[in-house]
Amino acid sequence: MSSKQSKRYTPHLKFQIVVEILKGEKSVGQLARSYNLHPISIHRWKKEFLEKGPEIFRQDTTIHEYERKIEELERLIGHKEVEIALLKNFLTGVSPERRKSL
């Protein structure tokens, strides 16, 4: 019993093939033969590219989301550092015998 494994193609290769299709210099059939692909795969990649293309230009919002998340994490780290400093301060004021029981 043999299992059929699907081939994995790099995003770069998929992009290259889609660009060739969009240029219109070769047909889907010609590209499928030259890259040893099924034409349906090429059509699917082209459709995905055309649907998700606008997301490429939305990087600005993605960067802002990451920057906001970084600021939030930095703020959280600051709060934790204050808590640690307060706890250390508290422990230095407690006798060594009492510290062991805490």
PDB file of N, CA and C in Angstrom:
ATOM      1  N   MET A   1       0.844  -1.174   0.000  1.00  0.00           N
ATOM      2  CA  MET A   1       0.000   0.000   0.000  1.00  0.00           C
ATOM      3  C   MET A   1       0.892   1.241   0.000  1.00  0.00           C
ATOM      4  N   SER A   2       0.755   2.078  -1.001  1.00  0.00           N
ATOM      5  CA  SER A   2       1.594   3.264  -1.093  1.00  0.00           C
ATOM      6  C   SER A   2       0.766   4.502  -0.821  1.00  0.00           C
ATOM      7  N   SER A   3       1.377   5.431  -0.121  1.00  0.00           N
ATOM      8  CA  SER A   3       0.672   6.678   0.172  1.00  0.00           C
ATOM      9  C   SER A   3       1.164   7.749  -0.788  1.00  0.00           C
ATOM     10  N   LYS A   4       0.246   8.527  -1.303  1.00  0.00           N
ATOM     11  CA  LYS A   4       0.592   9.584  -2.241  1.00  0.00           C
ATOM     12  C   LYS A   4       0.932  10.841  -1.454  1.00  0.00           C
ATOM     13  N   GLN A   5       2.154  11.338  -1.609  1.00  0.00           N
ATOM     14  CA  GLN A   5       2.577  12.544  -0.919  1.00  0.00           C
ATOM     15  C   GLN A   5       2.513  13.710  -1.894  1.00  0.00           C
ATOM     16  N   SER A   6       1.961  14.826  -1.435  1.00  0.00           N
ATOM     17  CA  SER A   6       1.908  15.992  -2.296  1.00  0.00           C
ATOM     18  C   SER A   6       3.244  16.722  -2.226  1.00  0.00           C
ATOM     19  N   LYS A   7       3.624  17.297  -3.350  1.00  0.00           N
ATOM     20  CA  LYS A   7       4.874  18.044  -3.397  1.00  0.00           C
ATOM     21  C   LYS A   7       4.663  19.394  -2.733  1.00  0.00           C
ATOM     22  N   ARG A   8       5.705  19.890  -2.132  1.00  0.00           N
ATOM     23  CA  ARG A   8       5.674  21.211  -1.514  1.00  0.00           C
ATOM     24  C   ARG A   8       6.487  22.152  -2.401  1.00  0.00           C
ATOM     25  N   TYR A   9       5.901  23.274  -2.725  1.00  0.00           N
ATOM     26  CA  TYR A   9       6.575  24.264  -3.551  1.00  0.00           C
ATOM     27  C   TYR A   9       6.823  25.514  -2.720  1.00  0.00           C
ATOM     28  N   THR A  10       7.953  26.135  -2.933  1.00  0.00           N
ATOM     29  CA  THR A  10       8.309  27.313  -2.152  1.00  0.00           C
ATOM     30  C   THR A  10       7.416  28.487  -2.549  1.00  0.00           C
ATOM     31  N   PRO A  11       7.198  29.396  -1.626  1.00  0.00           N
ATOM     32  CA  PRO A  11       6.424  30.597  -1.960  1.00  0.00           C
ATOM     33  C   PRO A  11       7.063  31.379  -3.109  1.00  0.00           C
ATOM     34  N   HIS A  12       8.387  31.364  -3.164  1.00  0.00           N
ATOM     35  CA  HIS A  12       9.093  32.080  -4.228  1.00  0.00           C
ATOM     36  C   HIS A  12       8.748  31.488  -5.598  1.00  0.00           C
ATOM     37  N   LEU A  13       8.740  30.164  -5.698  1.00  0.00           N
ATOM     38  CA  LEU A  13       8.410  29.514  -6.967  1.00  0.00           C
ATOM     39  C   LEU A  13       6.962  29.796  -7.352  1.00  0.00           C
ATOM     40  N   LYS A  14       6.057  29.705  -6.397  1.00  0.00           N
ATOM     41  CA  LYS A  14       4.647  29.989  -6.675  1.00  0.00           C
ATOM     42  C   LYS A  14       4.487  31.418  -7.191  1.00  0.00           C
ATOM     43  N   PHE A  15       5.142  32.356  -6.527  1.00  0.00           N
ATOM     44  CA  PHE A  15       5.070  33.759  -6.934  1.00  0.00           C
ATOM     45  C   PHE A  15       5.613  33.931  -8.350  1.00  0.00           C
ATOM     46  N   GLN A  16       6.745  33.305  -8.634  1.00  0.00           N
ATOM     47  CA  GLN A  16       7.375  33.395  -9.946  1.00  0.00           C
ATOM     48  C   GLN A  16       6.430  32.884 -11.038  1.00  0.00           C
ATOM     49  N   ILE A  17       5.768  31.760 -10.782  1.00  0.00           N
ATOM     50  CA  ILE A  17       4.851  31.187 -11.761  1.00  0.00           C
ATOM     51  C   ILE A  17       3.636  32.091 -11.958  1.00  0.00           C
ATOM     52  N   VAL A  18       3.100  32.626 -10.868  1.00  0.00           N
ATOM     53  CA  VAL A  18       1.938  33.521 -10.971  1.00  0.00           C
ATOM     54  C   VAL A  18       2.312  34.777 -11.757  1.00  0.00           C
ATOM     55  N   VAL A  19       3.486  35.322 -11.525  1.00  0.00           N
ATOM     56  CA  VAL A  19       3.920  36.502 -12.266  1.00  0.00           C
ATOM     57  C   VAL A  19       4.020  36.175 -13.750  1.00  0.00           C
ATOM     58  N   GLU A  20       4.541  35.004 -14.072  1.00  0.00           N
ATOM     59  CA  GLU A  20       4.634  34.604 -15.476  1.00  0.00           C
ATOM     60  C   GLU A  20       3.247  34.503 -16.114  1.00  0.00           C
ATOM     61  N   ILE A  21       2.277  33.983 -15.370  1.00  0.00           N
ATOM     62  CA  ILE A  21       0.905  33.891 -15.881  1.00  0.00           C
ATOM     63  C   ILE A  21       0.345  35.287 -16.115  1.00  0.00           C
ATOM     64  N   LEU A  22       0.552  36.180 -15.145  1.00  0.00           N
ATOM     65  CA  LEU A  22       0.004  37.532 -15.263  1.00  0.00           C
ATOM     66  C   LEU A  22       0.642  38.318 -16.402  1.00  0.00           C
ATOM     67  N   LYS A  23       1.890  38.030 -16.714  1.00  0.00           N
ATOM     68  CA  LYS A  23       2.548  38.689 -17.844  1.00  0.00           C
ATOM     69  C   LYS A  23       1.889  38.291 -19.159  1.00  0.00           C
ATOM     70  N   GLY A  24       1.340  37.071 -19.201  1.00  0.00           N
ATOM     71  CA  GLY A  24       0.641  36.614 -20.391  1.00  0.00           C
ATOM     72  C   GLY A  24       1.529  36.107 -21.508  1.00  0.00           C
ATOM     73  N   GLU A  25       2.805  35.907 -21.232  1.00  0.00           N
ATOM     74  CA  GLU A  25       3.719  35.437 -22.266  1.00  0.00           C
ATOM     75  C   GLU A  25       3.558  33.939 -22.530  1.00  0.00           C
ATOM     76  N   LYS A  26       3.123  33.192 -21.527  1.00  0.00           N
ATOM     77  CA  LYS A  26       2.921  31.748 -21.658  1.00  0.00           C
ATOM     78  C   LYS A  26       1.543  31.393 -21.129  1.00  0.00           C
ATOM     79  N   SER A  27       0.995  30.325 -21.639  1.00  0.00           N
ATOM     80  CA  SER A  27      -0.307  29.869 -21.156  1.00  0.00           C
ATOM     81  C   SER A  27      -0.116  29.025 -19.903  1.00  0.00           C
ATOM     82  N   VAL A  28      -1.218  28.765 -19.221  1.00  0.00           N
ATOM     83  CA  VAL A  28      -1.159  27.917 -18.024  1.00  0.00           C
ATOM     84  C   VAL A  28      -0.640  26.536 -18.398  1.00  0.00           C
ATOM     85  N   GLY A  29      -1.099  26.016 -19.516  1.00  0.00           N
ATOM     86  CA  GLY A  29      -0.651  24.695 -19.969  1.00  0.00           C
ATOM     87  C   GLY A  29       0.842  24.647 -20.216  1.00  0.00           C
ATOM     88  N   GLN A  30       1.377  25.690 -20.856  1.00  0.00           N
ATOM     89  CA  GLN A  30       2.811  25.736 -21.129  1.00  0.00           C
ATOM     90  C   GLN A  30       3.620  25.774 -19.832  1.00  0.00           C
ATOM     91  N   LEU A  31       3.170  26.606 -18.905  1.00  0.00           N
ATOM     92  CA  LEU A  31       3.884  26.684 -17.623  1.00  0.00           C
ATOM     93  C   LEU A  31       3.769  25.383 -16.843  1.00  0.00           C
ATOM     94  N   ALA A  32       2.596  24.779 -16.885  1.00  0.00           N
ATOM     95  CA  ALA A  32       2.405  23.516 -16.167  1.00  0.00           C
ATOM     96  C   ALA A  32       3.371  22.464 -16.702  1.00  0.00           C
ATOM     97  N   ARG A  33       3.509  22.396 -18.008  1.00  0.00           N
ATOM     98  CA  ARG A  33       4.442  21.414 -18.598  1.00  0.00           C
ATOM     99  C   ARG A  33       5.886  21.758 -18.252  1.00  0.00           C
ATOM    100  N   SER A  34       6.248  23.028 -18.334  1.00  0.00           N
ATOM    101  CA  SER A  34       7.653  23.382 -18.102  1.00  0.00           C
ATOM    102  C   SER A  34       8.061  23.212 -16.639  1.00  0.00           C
ATOM    103  N   TYR A  35       7.115  23.359 -15.700  1.00  0.00           N
ATOM    104  CA  TYR A  35       7.429  23.187 -14.278  1.00  0.00           C
ATOM    105  C   TYR A  35       6.960  21.831 -13.741  1.00  0.00           C
ATOM    106  N   ASN A  36       6.405  21.020 -14.611  1.00  0.00           N
ATOM    107  CA  ASN A  36       5.891  19.696 -14.231  1.00  0.00           C
ATOM    108  C   ASN A  36       4.838  19.823 -13.116  1.00  0.00           C
ATOM    109  N   LEU A  37       3.866  20.694 -13.375  1.00  0.00           N
ATOM    110  CA  LEU A  37       2.789  20.965 -12.430  1.00  0.00           C
ATOM    111  C   LEU A  37       1.446  20.644 -13.064  1.00  0.00           C
ATOM    112  N   HIS A  38       0.442  20.522 -12.231  1.00  0.00           N
ATOM    113  CA  HIS A  38      -0.923  20.384 -12.737  1.00  0.00           C
ATOM    114  C   HIS A  38      -1.477  21.795 -12.948  1.00  0.00           C
ATOM    115  N   PRO A  39      -2.160  22.046 -14.056  1.00  0.00           N
ATOM    116  CA  PRO A  39      -2.703  23.388 -14.314  1.00  0.00           C
ATOM    117  C   PRO A  39      -3.628  23.898 -13.198  1.00  0.00           C
ATOM    118  N   ILE A  40      -4.329  22.999 -12.532  1.00  0.00           N
ATOM    119  CA  ILE A  40      -5.223  23.422 -11.449  1.00  0.00           C
ATOM    120  C   ILE A  40      -4.428  24.074 -10.325  1.00  0.00           C
ATOM    121  N   SER A  41      -3.235  23.560 -10.063  1.00  0.00           N
ATOM    122  CA  SER A  41      -2.388  24.169  -9.021  1.00  0.00           C
ATOM    123  C   SER A  41      -2.057  25.611  -9.386  1.00  0.00           C
ATOM    124  N   ILE A  42      -1.724  25.834 -10.629  1.00  0.00           N
ATOM    125  CA  ILE A  42      -1.370  27.180 -11.074  1.00  0.00           C
ATOM    126  C   ILE A  42      -2.578  28.109 -10.961  1.00  0.00           C
ATOM    127  N   HIS A  43      -3.738  27.639 -11.376  1.00  0.00           N
ATOM    128  CA  HIS A  43      -4.956  28.451 -11.258  1.00  0.00           C
ATOM    129  C   HIS A  43      -5.253  28.785  -9.790  1.00  0.00           C
ATOM    130  N   ARG A  44      -5.055  27.812  -8.908  1.00  0.00           N
ATOM    131  CA  ARG A  44      -5.311  28.033  -7.477  1.00  0.00           C
ATOM    132  C   ARG A  44      -4.346  29.075  -6.917  1.00  0.00           C
ATOM    133  N   TRP A  45      -3.058  28.993  -7.300  1.00  0.00           N
ATOM    134  CA  TRP A  45      -2.070  29.960  -6.825  1.00  0.00           C
ATOM    135  C   TRP A  45      -2.390  31.356  -7.333  1.00  0.00           C
ATOM    136  N   LYS A  46      -2.818  31.450  -8.592  1.00  0.00           N
ATOM    137  CA  LYS A  46      -3.163  32.751  -9.169  1.00  0.00           C
ATOM    138  C   LYS A  46      -4.363  33.348  -8.422  1.00  0.00           C
ATOM    139  N   LYS A  47      -5.375  32.526  -8.171  1.00  0.00           N
ATOM    140  CA  LYS A  47      -6.564  32.995  -7.475  1.00  0.00           C
ATOM    141  C   LYS A  47      -6.194  33.481  -6.070  1.00  0.00           C
ATOM    142  N   GLU A  48      -5.375  32.694  -5.371  1.00  0.00           N
ATOM    143  CA  GLU A  48      -4.950  33.071  -4.018  1.00  0.00           C
ATOM    144  C   GLU A  48      -4.164  34.381  -4.039  1.00  0.00           C
ATOM    145  N   PHE A  49      -3.301  34.523  -5.017  1.00  0.00           N
ATOM    146  CA  PHE A  49      -2.500  35.739  -5.150  1.00  0.00           C
ATOM    147  C   PHE A  49      -3.396  36.953  -5.373  1.00  0.00           C
ATOM    148  N   LEU A  50      -4.361  36.823  -6.266  1.00  0.00           N
ATOM    149  CA  LEU A  50      -5.242  37.946  -6.569  1.00  0.00           C
ATOM    150  C   LEU A  50      -6.144  38.288  -5.384  1.00  0.00           C
ATOM    151  N   GLU A  51      -6.543  37.287  -4.607  1.00  0.00           N
ATOM    152  CA  GLU A  51      -7.392  37.540  -3.435  1.00  0.00           C
ATOM    153  C   GLU A  51      -6.615  38.175  -2.285  1.00  0.00           C
ATOM    154  N   LYS A  52      -5.389  37.717  -2.073  1.00  0.00           N
ATOM    155  CA  LYS A  52      -4.609  38.182  -0.918  1.00  0.00           C
ATOM    156  C   LYS A  52      -3.646  39.315  -1.262  1.00  0.00           C
ATOM    157  N   GLY A  53      -3.582  39.696  -2.513  1.00  0.00           N
ATOM    158  CA  GLY A  53      -2.670  40.753  -2.938  1.00  0.00           C
ATOM    159  C   GLY A  53      -2.781  42.032  -2.143  1.00  0.00           C
ATOM    160  N   PRO A  54      -4.002  42.533  -1.878  1.00  0.00           N
ATOM    161  CA  PRO A  54      -4.122  43.787  -1.124  1.00  0.00           C
ATOM    162  C   PRO A  54      -3.512  43.728   0.278  1.00  0.00           C
ATOM    163  N   GLU A  55      -3.405  42.550   0.860  1.00  0.00           N
ATOM    164  CA  GLU A  55      -2.817  42.417   2.196  1.00  0.00           C
ATOM    165  C   GLU A  55      -1.359  42.839   2.217  1.00  0.00           C
ATOM    166  N   ILE A  56      -0.702  42.706   1.079  1.00  0.00           N
ATOM    167  CA  ILE A  56       0.710  43.080   0.989  1.00  0.00           C
ATOM    168  C   ILE A  56       0.883  44.558   1.321  1.00  0.00           C
ATOM    169  N   PHE A  57      -0.077  45.367   0.908  1.00  0.00           N
ATOM    170  CA  PHE A  57       0.023  46.802   1.104  1.00  0.00           C
ATOM    171  C   PHE A  57      -0.514  47.250   2.456  1.00  0.00           C
ATOM    172  N   ARG A  58      -0.969  46.313   3.267  1.00  0.00           N
ATOM    173  CA  ARG A  58      -1.458  46.633   4.607  1.00  0.00           C
ATOM    174  C   ARG A  58      -0.388  46.417   5.662  1.00  0.00           C
ATOM    175  N   GLN A  59       0.836  46.320   5.288  1.00  0.00           N
ATOM    176  CA  GLN A  59       1.923  46.095   6.239  1.00  0.00           C
ATOM    177  C   GLN A  59       1.953  47.184   7.299  1.00  0.00           C
ATOM    178  N   ASP A  60       1.566  48.379   6.917  1.00  0.00           N
ATOM    179  CA  ASP A  60       1.598  49.508   7.842  1.00  0.00           C
ATOM    180  C   ASP A  60       0.789  49.207   9.099  1.00  0.00           C
ATOM    181  N   THR A  61      -0.413  48.644   8.937  1.00  0.00           N
ATOM    182  CA  THR A  61      -1.231  48.326  10.107  1.00  0.00           C
ATOM    183  C   THR A  61      -0.613  47.192  10.899  1.00  0.00           C
ATOM    184  N   THR A  62      -0.011  46.241  10.223  1.00  0.00           N
ATOM    185  CA  THR A  62       0.622  45.123  10.920  1.00  0.00           C
ATOM    186  C   THR A  62       1.780  45.629  11.774  1.00  0.00           C
ATOM    187  N   ILE A  63       2.564  46.534  11.246  1.00  0.00           N
ATOM    188  CA  ILE A  63       3.685  47.089  11.995  1.00  0.00           C
ATOM    189  C   ILE A  63       3.176  47.827  13.228  1.00  0.00           C
ATOM    190  N   HIS A  64       2.107  48.598  13.065  1.00  0.00           N
ATOM    191  CA  HIS A  64       1.541  49.320  14.204  1.00  0.00           C
ATOM    192  C   HIS A  64       1.009  48.352  15.264  1.00  0.00           C
ATOM    193  N   GLU A  65       0.425  47.253  14.828  1.00  0.00           N
ATOM    194  CA  GLU A  65      -0.063  46.254  15.782  1.00  0.00           C
ATOM    195  C   GLU A  65       1.092  45.670  16.583  1.00  0.00           C
ATOM    196  N   TYR A  66       2.182  45.347  15.908  1.00  0.00           N
ATOM    197  CA  TYR A  66       3.354  44.805  16.609  1.00  0.00           C
ATOM    198  C   TYR A  66       3.959  45.840  17.553  1.00  0.00           C
ATOM    199  N   GLU A  67       4.039  47.092  17.104  1.00  0.00           N
ATOM    200  CA  GLU A  67       4.589  48.141  17.965  1.00  0.00           C
ATOM    201  C   GLU A  67       3.726  48.325  19.210  1.00  0.00           C
ATOM    202  N   ARG A  68       2.407  48.273  19.049  1.00  0.00           N
ATOM    203  CA  ARG A  68       1.503  48.413  20.187  1.00  0.00           C
ATOM    204  C   ARG A  68       1.681  47.238  21.149  1.00  0.00           C
ATOM    205  N   LYS A  69       1.851  46.040  20.615  1.00  0.00           N
ATOM    206  CA  LYS A  69       2.048  44.854  21.448  1.00  0.00           C
ATOM    207  C   LYS A  69       3.375  44.953  22.201  1.00  0.00           C
ATOM    208  N   ILE A  70       4.415  45.433  21.531  1.00  0.00           N
ATOM    209  CA  ILE A  70       5.722  45.595  22.180  1.00  0.00           C
ATOM    210  C   ILE A  70       5.621  46.593  23.329  1.00  0.00           C
ATOM    211  N   GLU A  71       4.930  47.712  23.092  1.00  0.00           N
ATOM    212  CA  GLU A  71       4.756  48.708  24.154  1.00  0.00           C
ATOM    213  C   GLU A  71       4.013  48.110  25.345  1.00  0.00           C
ATOM    214  N   GLU A  72       2.992  47.325  25.059  1.00  0.00           N
ATOM    215  CA  GLU A  72       2.221  46.687  26.126  1.00  0.00           C
ATOM    216  C   GLU A  72       3.097  45.722  26.927  1.00  0.00           C
ATOM    217  N   LEU A  73       3.920  44.945  26.248  1.00  0.00           N
ATOM    218  CA  LEU A  73       4.805  43.999  26.935  1.00  0.00           C
ATOM    219  C   LEU A  73       5.877  44.725  27.747  1.00  0.00           C
ATOM    220  N   GLU A  74       6.410  45.830  27.189  1.00  0.00           N
ATOM    221  CA  GLU A  74       7.401  46.610  27.935  1.00  0.00           C
ATOM    222  C   GLU A  74       6.786  47.189  29.205  1.00  0.00           C
ATOM    223  N   ARG A  75       5.548  47.648  29.105  1.00  0.00           N
ATOM    224  CA  ARG A  75       4.848  48.184  30.265  1.00  0.00           C
ATOM    225  C   ARG A  75       4.657  47.090  31.319  1.00  0.00           C
ATOM    226  N   LEU A  76       4.292  45.899  30.883  1.00  0.00           N
ATOM    227  CA  LEU A  76       4.100  44.769  31.791  1.00  0.00           C
ATOM    228  C   LEU A  76       5.413  44.400  32.480  1.00  0.00           C
ATOM    229  N   ILE A  77       6.510  44.406  31.729  1.00  0.00           N
ATOM    230  CA  ILE A  77       7.823  44.118  32.314  1.00  0.00           C
ATOM    231  C   ILE A  77       8.159  45.159  33.372  1.00  0.00           C
ATOM    232  N   GLY A  78       7.865  46.421  33.079  1.00  0.00           N
ATOM    233  CA  GLY A  78       8.110  47.492  34.059  1.00  0.00           C
ATOM    234  C   GLY A  78       7.351  47.257  35.354  1.00  0.00           C
ATOM    235  N   HIS A  79       6.083  46.857  35.241  1.00  0.00           N
ATOM    236  CA  HIS A  79       5.285  46.568  36.439  1.00  0.00           C
ATOM    237  C   HIS A  79       5.888  45.408  37.230  1.00  0.00           C
ATOM    238  N   LYS A  80       6.331  44.394  36.526  1.00  0.00           N
ATOM    239  CA  LYS A  80       6.914  43.224  37.203  1.00  0.00           C
ATOM    240  C   LYS A  80       8.218  43.596  37.895  1.00  0.00           C
ATOM    241  N   GLU A  81       9.017  44.455  37.261  1.00  0.00           N
ATOM    242  CA  GLU A  81      10.266  44.887  37.888  1.00  0.00           C
ATOM    243  C   GLU A  81       9.979  45.655  39.181  1.00  0.00           C
ATOM    244  N   VAL A  82       8.937  46.483  39.175  1.00  0.00           N
ATOM    245  CA  VAL A  82       8.558  47.222  40.381  1.00  0.00           C
ATOM    246  C   VAL A  82       8.121  46.236  41.466  1.00  0.00           C
ATOM    247  N   GLU A  83       7.315  45.247  41.102  1.00  0.00           N
ATOM    248  CA  GLU A  83       6.865  44.241  42.076  1.00  0.00           C
ATOM    249  C   GLU A  83       8.056  43.495  42.676  1.00  0.00           C
ATOM    250  N   ILE A  84       9.004  43.123  41.844  1.00  0.00           N
ATOM    251  CA  ILE A  84      10.192  42.398  42.321  1.00  0.00           C
ATOM    252  C   ILE A  84      10.987  43.285  43.279  1.00  0.00           C
ATOM    253  N   ALA A  85      11.162  44.555  42.911  1.00  0.00           N
ATOM    254  CA  ALA A  85      11.907  45.478  43.779  1.00  0.00           C
ATOM    255  C   ALA A  85      11.204  45.641  45.126  1.00  0.00           C
ATOM    256  N   LEU A  86       9.880  45.761  45.114  1.00  0.00           N
ATOM    257  CA  LEU A  86       9.131  45.888  46.368  1.00  0.00           C
ATOM    258  C   LEU A  86       9.261  44.635  47.227  1.00  0.00           C
ATOM    259  N   LEU A  87       9.196  43.476  46.596  1.00  0.00           N
ATOM    260  CA  LEU A  87       9.325  42.226  47.345  1.00  0.00           C
ATOM    261  C   LEU A  87      10.724  42.072  47.927  1.00  0.00           C
ATOM    262  N   LYS A  88      11.747  42.455  47.157  1.00  0.00           N
ATOM    263  CA  LYS A  88      13.113  42.397  47.672  1.00  0.00           C
ATOM    264  C   LYS A  88      13.269  43.351  48.854  1.00  0.00           C
ATOM    265  N   ASN A  89      12.702  44.522  48.730  1.00  0.00           N
ATOM    266  CA  ASN A  89      12.739  45.515  49.799  1.00  0.00           C
ATOM    267  C   ASN A  89      12.041  44.980  51.042  1.00  0.00           C
ATOM    268  N   PHE A  90      10.930  44.347  50.856  1.00  0.00           N
ATOM    269  CA  PHE A  90      10.179  43.765  51.958  1.00  0.00           C
ATOM    270  C   PHE A  90      10.998  42.676  52.645  1.00  0.00           C
ATOM    271  N   LEU A  91      11.646  41.824  51.852  1.00  0.00           N
ATOM    272  CA  LEU A  91      12.408  40.717  52.423  1.00  0.00           C
ATOM    273  C   LEU A  91      13.649  41.188  53.175  1.00  0.00           C
ATOM    274  N   THR A  92      14.243  42.283  52.748  1.00  0.00           N
ATOM    275  CA  THR A  92      15.428  42.765  53.468  1.00  0.00           C
ATOM    276  C   THR A  92      15.053  43.341  54.820  1.00  0.00           C
ATOM    277  N   GLY A  93      13.814  43.753  54.993  1.00  0.00           N
ATOM    278  CA  GLY A  93      13.359  44.295  56.271  1.00  0.00           C
ATOM    279  C   GLY A  93      12.898  43.204  57.224  1.00  0.00           C
ATOM    280  N   VAL A  94      12.843  41.970  56.769  1.00  0.00           N
ATOM    281  CA  VAL A  94      12.370  40.862  57.603  1.00  0.00           C
ATOM    282  C   VAL A  94      13.584  40.124  58.145  1.00  0.00           C
ATOM    283  N   SER A  95      13.487  39.655  59.384  1.00  0.00           N
ATOM    284  CA  SER A  95      14.606  38.939  59.997  1.00  0.00           C
ATOM    285  C   SER A  95      14.849  37.621  59.249  1.00  0.00           C
ATOM    286  N   PRO A  96      16.101  37.111  59.291  1.00  0.00           N
ATOM    287  CA  PRO A  96      16.425  35.866  58.581  1.00  0.00           C
ATOM    288  C   PRO A  96      15.561  34.686  59.028  1.00  0.00           C
ATOM    289  N   GLU A  97      15.222  34.624  60.317  1.00  0.00           N
ATOM    290  CA  GLU A  97      14.378  33.521  60.805  1.00  0.00           C
ATOM    291  C   GLU A  97      12.994  33.605  60.188  1.00  0.00           C
ATOM    292  N   ARG A  98      12.486  34.814  60.138  1.00  0.00           N
ATOM    293  CA  ARG A  98      11.138  35.038  59.582  1.00  0.00           C
ATOM    294  C   ARG A  98      11.140  34.782  58.077  1.00  0.00           C
ATOM    295  N   ARG A  99      12.243  35.149  57.370  1.00  0.00           N
ATOM    296  CA  ARG A  99      12.361  34.969  55.929  1.00  0.00           C
ATOM    297  C   ARG A  99      12.221  33.497  55.552  1.00  0.00           C
ATOM    298  N   LYS A 100      12.789  32.603  56.386  1.00  0.00           N
ATOM    299  CA  LYS A 100      12.727  31.165  56.100  1.00  0.00           C
ATOM    300  C   LYS A 100      11.306  30.655  56.167  1.00  0.00           C
ATOM    301  N   SER A 101      10.501  31.236  57.014  1.00  0.00           N
ATOM    302  CA  SER A 101       9.118  30.780  57.151  1.00  0.00           C
ATOM    303  C   SER A 101       8.228  31.318  56.033  1.00  0.00           C
ATOM    304  N   LEU A 102       8.683  32.341  55.308  1.00  0.00           N
ATOM    305  CA  LEU A 102       7.881  32.907  54.221  1.00  0.00           C
ATOM    306  C   LEU A 102       8.006  32.081  53.031  1.00  0.00           C
TER     307      LEU A 102
END
